[in-house]
Amino acid sequence: MTSLAQKLGLSRTGRRDMVTAGFALLGSGNIDGAATIFQGLLVLEESDADSAAGLGTAREAQGRFEDARQWYETSLAIDFGNALARNGLARLADRKPDQG
C-alpha cells in the first residue's frame, strides 16, 4: 500500500528532518508544536514508529498518560526495538496511581 507521503513525493529524508524538528520542539518546551508535527507525520506515514513514540512523549509531557501509553504501544507494534517507546512505557509503569 502506498502511503500519503509517497503519493505526495515526500522523501524519507524529508520525513526524518521533520521528526528531528519535532524532537527539537520537544526539547525546547514547545510540546504542542511537537505534537502537531508528529500527528502530521503520522497522517503522512502511519507506520512511522519514531513519530508515534514522539507523539507519546508529547502526550506524556502534557499529562495525557493514557494517550501516551497508546502511542508508545503503537510505536512498539511498528518497531519492537524502539528505545524511546520502551523507555516511555517504563516511565509510565513506574508512575504511582495518583500521578496519572
N, C-alpha and C. Protein backbone atom coordinates (compact mmCIF):
# COMPACT_ATOMS: atom_id res chain seq x y z
N MET A 1 0.84 -1.18 0.00
CA MET A 1 0.00 0.00 0.00
C MET A 1 0.89 1.25 0.00
N THR A 2 0.54 2.21 -0.78
CA THR A 2 1.30 3.44 -0.90
C THR A 2 0.84 4.42 0.17
N SER A 3 1.81 4.98 0.90
CA SER A 3 1.48 5.95 1.94
C SER A 3 1.19 7.30 1.31
N LEU A 4 0.55 8.15 2.08
CA LEU A 4 0.28 9.51 1.61
C LEU A 4 1.60 10.24 1.36
N ALA A 5 2.60 10.01 2.19
CA ALA A 5 3.91 10.63 2.00
C ALA A 5 4.48 10.25 0.63
N GLN A 6 4.36 8.98 0.27
CA GLN A 6 4.86 8.53 -1.04
C GLN A 6 4.06 9.17 -2.16
N LYS A 7 2.75 9.24 -1.99
CA LYS A 7 1.90 9.85 -3.03
C LYS A 7 2.23 11.33 -3.23
N LEU A 8 2.61 11.99 -2.13
CA LEU A 8 2.95 13.41 -2.20
C LEU A 8 4.40 13.65 -2.59
N GLY A 9 5.18 12.57 -2.66
CA GLY A 9 6.58 12.69 -3.04
C GLY A 9 7.49 13.17 -1.91
N LEU A 10 7.05 13.03 -0.66
CA LEU A 10 7.88 13.41 0.48
C LEU A 10 8.89 12.30 0.73
N SER A 11 10.15 12.63 0.61
CA SER A 11 11.20 11.62 0.74
C SER A 11 11.35 11.18 2.18
N ARG A 12 12.01 10.04 2.34
CA ARG A 12 12.32 9.54 3.69
C ARG A 12 13.19 10.55 4.43
N THR A 13 14.12 11.17 3.72
CA THR A 13 14.98 12.18 4.33
C THR A 13 14.16 13.37 4.81
N GLY A 14 13.21 13.78 4.01
CA GLY A 14 12.33 14.89 4.40
C GLY A 14 11.52 14.57 5.64
N ARG A 15 11.03 13.34 5.71
CA ARG A 15 10.27 12.92 6.90
C ARG A 15 11.19 12.87 8.11
N ARG A 16 12.41 12.36 7.93
CA ARG A 16 13.37 12.30 9.06
C ARG A 16 13.68 13.70 9.56
N ASP A 17 13.81 14.65 8.64
CA ASP A 17 14.07 16.04 9.04
C ASP A 17 12.90 16.58 9.86
N MET A 18 11.69 16.21 9.49
CA MET A 18 10.52 16.66 10.25
C MET A 18 10.46 16.00 11.62
N VAL A 19 10.84 14.73 11.71
CA VAL A 19 10.90 14.05 13.01
C VAL A 19 11.93 14.76 13.89
N THR A 20 13.08 15.08 13.32
CA THR A 20 14.12 15.80 14.07
C THR A 20 13.59 17.14 14.56
N ALA A 21 12.85 17.84 13.72
CA ALA A 21 12.27 19.13 14.12
C ALA A 21 11.27 18.94 15.26
N GLY A 22 10.49 17.87 15.21
CA GLY A 22 9.55 17.58 16.29
C GLY A 22 10.25 17.36 17.61
N PHE A 23 11.33 16.61 17.58
CA PHE A 23 12.09 16.36 18.81
C PHE A 23 12.78 17.63 19.30
N ALA A 24 13.21 18.49 18.37
CA ALA A 24 13.80 19.77 18.77
C ALA A 24 12.76 20.63 19.49
N LEU A 25 11.54 20.62 18.99
CA LEU A 25 10.47 21.37 19.65
C LEU A 25 10.19 20.81 21.04
N LEU A 26 10.19 19.49 21.16
CA LEU A 26 10.03 18.88 22.49
C LEU A 26 11.12 19.38 23.43
N GLY A 27 12.34 19.36 22.95
CA GLY A 27 13.48 19.77 23.76
C GLY A 27 13.43 21.23 24.18
N SER A 28 12.81 22.05 23.35
CA SER A 28 12.72 23.48 23.67
C SER A 28 11.48 23.81 24.49
N GLY A 29 10.67 22.79 24.75
CA GLY A 29 9.47 23.00 25.57
C GLY A 29 8.21 23.32 24.78
N ASN A 30 8.30 23.34 23.46
CA ASN A 30 7.12 23.59 22.63
C ASN A 30 6.41 22.26 22.38
N ILE A 31 5.73 21.79 23.41
CA ILE A 31 5.11 20.46 23.37
C ILE A 31 3.97 20.41 22.36
N ASP A 32 3.14 21.45 22.33
CA ASP A 32 2.02 21.46 21.39
C ASP A 32 2.51 21.48 19.94
N GLY A 33 3.55 22.26 19.67
CA GLY A 33 4.12 22.29 18.32
C GLY A 33 4.68 20.94 17.91
N ALA A 34 5.38 20.29 18.85
CA ALA A 34 5.92 18.96 18.58
C ALA A 34 4.80 17.97 18.29
N ALA A 35 3.75 18.01 19.11
CA ALA A 35 2.62 17.09 18.92
C ALA A 35 2.00 17.29 17.54
N THR A 36 1.89 18.54 17.12
CA THR A 36 1.32 18.84 15.80
C THR A 36 2.17 18.24 14.69
N ILE A 37 3.48 18.37 14.81
CA ILE A 37 4.37 17.80 13.79
C ILE A 37 4.23 16.28 13.76
N PHE A 38 4.28 15.64 14.92
CA PHE A 38 4.19 14.18 14.95
C PHE A 38 2.84 13.69 14.43
N GLN A 39 1.77 14.38 14.77
CA GLN A 39 0.45 14.00 14.25
C GLN A 39 0.42 14.10 12.73
N GLY A 40 0.97 15.18 12.20
CA GLY A 40 1.01 15.35 10.75
C GLY A 40 1.83 14.27 10.07
N LEU A 41 2.96 13.94 10.67
CA LEU A 41 3.78 12.86 10.11
C LEU A 41 3.04 11.53 10.11
N LEU A 42 2.27 11.28 11.14
CA LEU A 42 1.53 10.01 11.21
C LEU A 42 0.39 9.96 10.20
N VAL A 43 -0.14 11.13 9.83
CA VAL A 43 -1.13 11.18 8.75
C VAL A 43 -0.44 10.79 7.44
N LEU A 44 0.78 11.30 7.26
CA LEU A 44 1.52 11.02 6.03
C LEU A 44 2.03 9.59 5.96
N GLU A 45 2.43 9.05 7.10
CA GLU A 45 3.06 7.71 7.14
C GLU A 45 2.66 7.03 8.45
N GLU A 46 1.59 6.24 8.39
CA GLU A 46 1.06 5.60 9.60
C GLU A 46 2.06 4.69 10.28
N SER A 47 3.00 4.16 9.54
CA SER A 47 3.93 3.18 10.09
C SER A 47 5.25 3.81 10.53
N ASP A 48 5.21 5.05 10.98
CA ASP A 48 6.41 5.75 11.44
C ASP A 48 6.53 5.59 12.96
N ALA A 49 7.34 4.62 13.37
CA ALA A 49 7.50 4.31 14.80
C ALA A 49 8.07 5.48 15.57
N ASP A 50 8.99 6.24 14.98
CA ASP A 50 9.60 7.37 15.68
C ASP A 50 8.58 8.48 15.92
N SER A 51 7.73 8.74 14.95
CA SER A 51 6.69 9.76 15.14
C SER A 51 5.68 9.33 16.19
N ALA A 52 5.33 8.05 16.20
CA ALA A 52 4.40 7.55 17.22
C ALA A 52 5.01 7.68 18.61
N ALA A 53 6.29 7.35 18.73
CA ALA A 53 6.98 7.49 20.02
C ALA A 53 7.11 8.96 20.40
N GLY A 54 7.37 9.81 19.42
CA GLY A 54 7.46 11.25 19.68
C GLY A 54 6.13 11.80 20.16
N LEU A 55 5.04 11.36 19.53
CA LEU A 55 3.73 11.81 19.97
C LEU A 55 3.43 11.27 21.37
N GLY A 56 3.87 10.07 21.66
CA GLY A 56 3.72 9.54 23.02
C GLY A 56 4.45 10.40 24.03
N THR A 57 5.65 10.84 23.67
CA THR A 57 6.44 11.70 24.56
C THR A 57 5.74 13.04 24.77
N ALA A 58 5.20 13.59 23.70
CA ALA A 58 4.47 14.85 23.82
C ALA A 58 3.24 14.69 24.71
N ARG A 59 2.50 13.61 24.50
CA ARG A 59 1.30 13.38 25.33
C ARG A 59 1.68 13.17 26.79
N GLU A 60 2.78 12.48 27.03
CA GLU A 60 3.25 12.29 28.40
C GLU A 60 3.57 13.65 29.03
N ALA A 61 4.26 14.52 28.29
CA ALA A 61 4.61 15.85 28.80
C ALA A 61 3.37 16.70 29.06
N GLN A 62 2.30 16.43 28.32
CA GLN A 62 1.03 17.15 28.52
C GLN A 62 0.21 16.56 29.66
N GLY A 63 0.68 15.48 30.24
CA GLY A 63 -0.06 14.83 31.32
C GLY A 63 -1.17 13.92 30.81
N ARG A 64 -1.16 13.63 29.53
CA ARG A 64 -2.17 12.75 28.92
C ARG A 64 -1.59 11.33 28.87
N PHE A 65 -1.53 10.71 30.03
CA PHE A 65 -0.77 9.48 30.20
C PHE A 65 -1.36 8.28 29.46
N GLU A 66 -2.67 8.16 29.40
CA GLU A 66 -3.25 7.04 28.67
C GLU A 66 -3.00 7.19 27.17
N ASP A 67 -3.13 8.42 26.65
CA ASP A 67 -2.79 8.66 25.24
C ASP A 67 -1.32 8.34 24.99
N ALA A 68 -0.46 8.76 25.91
CA ALA A 68 0.97 8.48 25.76
C ALA A 68 1.21 6.98 25.69
N ARG A 69 0.59 6.25 26.60
CA ARG A 69 0.75 4.78 26.61
C ARG A 69 0.33 4.17 25.27
N GLN A 70 -0.81 4.64 24.75
CA GLN A 70 -1.29 4.10 23.47
C GLN A 70 -0.32 4.39 22.34
N TRP A 71 0.25 5.60 22.32
CA TRP A 71 1.20 5.93 21.25
C TRP A 71 2.50 5.16 21.38
N TYR A 72 2.96 4.96 22.62
CA TYR A 72 4.16 4.14 22.81
C TYR A 72 3.91 2.71 22.34
N GLU A 73 2.74 2.18 22.67
CA GLU A 73 2.41 0.82 22.24
C GLU A 73 2.29 0.73 20.72
N THR A 74 1.73 1.76 20.11
CA THR A 74 1.66 1.80 18.65
C THR A 74 3.06 1.78 18.05
N SER A 75 3.95 2.58 18.61
CA SER A 75 5.33 2.61 18.13
C SER A 75 5.97 1.23 18.22
N LEU A 76 5.78 0.55 19.34
CA LEU A 76 6.38 -0.78 19.51
C LEU A 76 5.75 -1.82 18.61
N ALA A 77 4.48 -1.64 18.26
CA ALA A 77 3.84 -2.55 17.32
C ALA A 77 4.47 -2.42 15.92
N ILE A 78 4.95 -1.23 15.62
CA ILE A 78 5.61 -0.98 14.34
C ILE A 78 7.07 -1.43 14.39
N ASP A 79 7.74 -1.06 15.48
CA ASP A 79 9.17 -1.36 15.66
C ASP A 79 9.40 -1.75 17.11
N PHE A 80 9.42 -3.05 17.36
CA PHE A 80 9.53 -3.56 18.73
C PHE A 80 10.78 -3.08 19.44
N GLY A 81 11.78 -2.68 18.70
CA GLY A 81 13.03 -2.24 19.29
C GLY A 81 13.12 -0.74 19.55
N ASN A 82 12.04 0.00 19.36
CA ASN A 82 12.09 1.45 19.52
C ASN A 82 12.37 1.81 20.98
N ALA A 83 13.57 2.31 21.24
CA ALA A 83 14.02 2.59 22.62
C ALA A 83 13.21 3.70 23.27
N LEU A 84 12.85 4.73 22.52
CA LEU A 84 12.08 5.82 23.09
C LEU A 84 10.74 5.32 23.61
N ALA A 85 10.08 4.47 22.83
CA ALA A 85 8.78 3.94 23.25
C ALA A 85 8.94 3.01 24.45
N ARG A 86 9.96 2.18 24.42
CA ARG A 86 10.21 1.27 25.56
C ARG A 86 10.46 2.06 26.84
N ASN A 87 11.30 3.08 26.75
CA ASN A 87 11.60 3.91 27.92
C ASN A 87 10.37 4.67 28.40
N GLY A 88 9.57 5.14 27.46
CA GLY A 88 8.34 5.85 27.83
C GLY A 88 7.38 4.95 28.58
N LEU A 89 7.19 3.74 28.08
CA LEU A 89 6.32 2.80 28.78
C LEU A 89 6.85 2.46 30.16
N ALA A 90 8.16 2.34 30.28
CA ALA A 90 8.77 2.06 31.58
C ALA A 90 8.50 3.21 32.55
N ARG A 91 8.62 4.46 32.07
CA ARG A 91 8.34 5.61 32.93
C ARG A 91 6.89 5.59 33.39
N LEU A 92 5.98 5.29 32.46
CA LEU A 92 4.57 5.27 32.81
C LEU A 92 4.26 4.15 33.79
N ALA A 93 4.93 3.02 33.65
CA ALA A 93 4.72 1.90 34.55
C ALA A 93 5.21 2.24 35.95
N ASP A 94 6.21 3.10 36.05
CA ASP A 94 6.77 3.48 37.35
C ASP A 94 5.95 4.55 38.06
N ARG A 95 4.97 5.13 37.37
CA ARG A 95 4.16 6.17 37.98
C ARG A 95 3.28 5.60 39.08
N LYS A 96 3.13 6.37 40.14
CA LYS A 96 2.22 5.98 41.20
C LYS A 96 0.80 6.28 40.72
N PRO A 97 -0.21 5.54 41.18
CA PRO A 97 -1.58 5.76 40.71
C PRO A 97 -2.04 7.21 40.82
N ASP A 98 -1.65 7.94 41.85
CA ASP A 98 -2.08 9.32 41.99
C ASP A 98 -1.32 10.28 41.07
N GLN A 99 -0.34 9.74 40.36
CA GLN A 99 0.41 10.55 39.39
C GLN A 99 -0.14 10.40 37.98
N GLY A 100 -1.21 9.73 37.83
CA GLY A 100 -1.79 9.58 36.50
C GLY A 100 -1.69 8.18 36.07
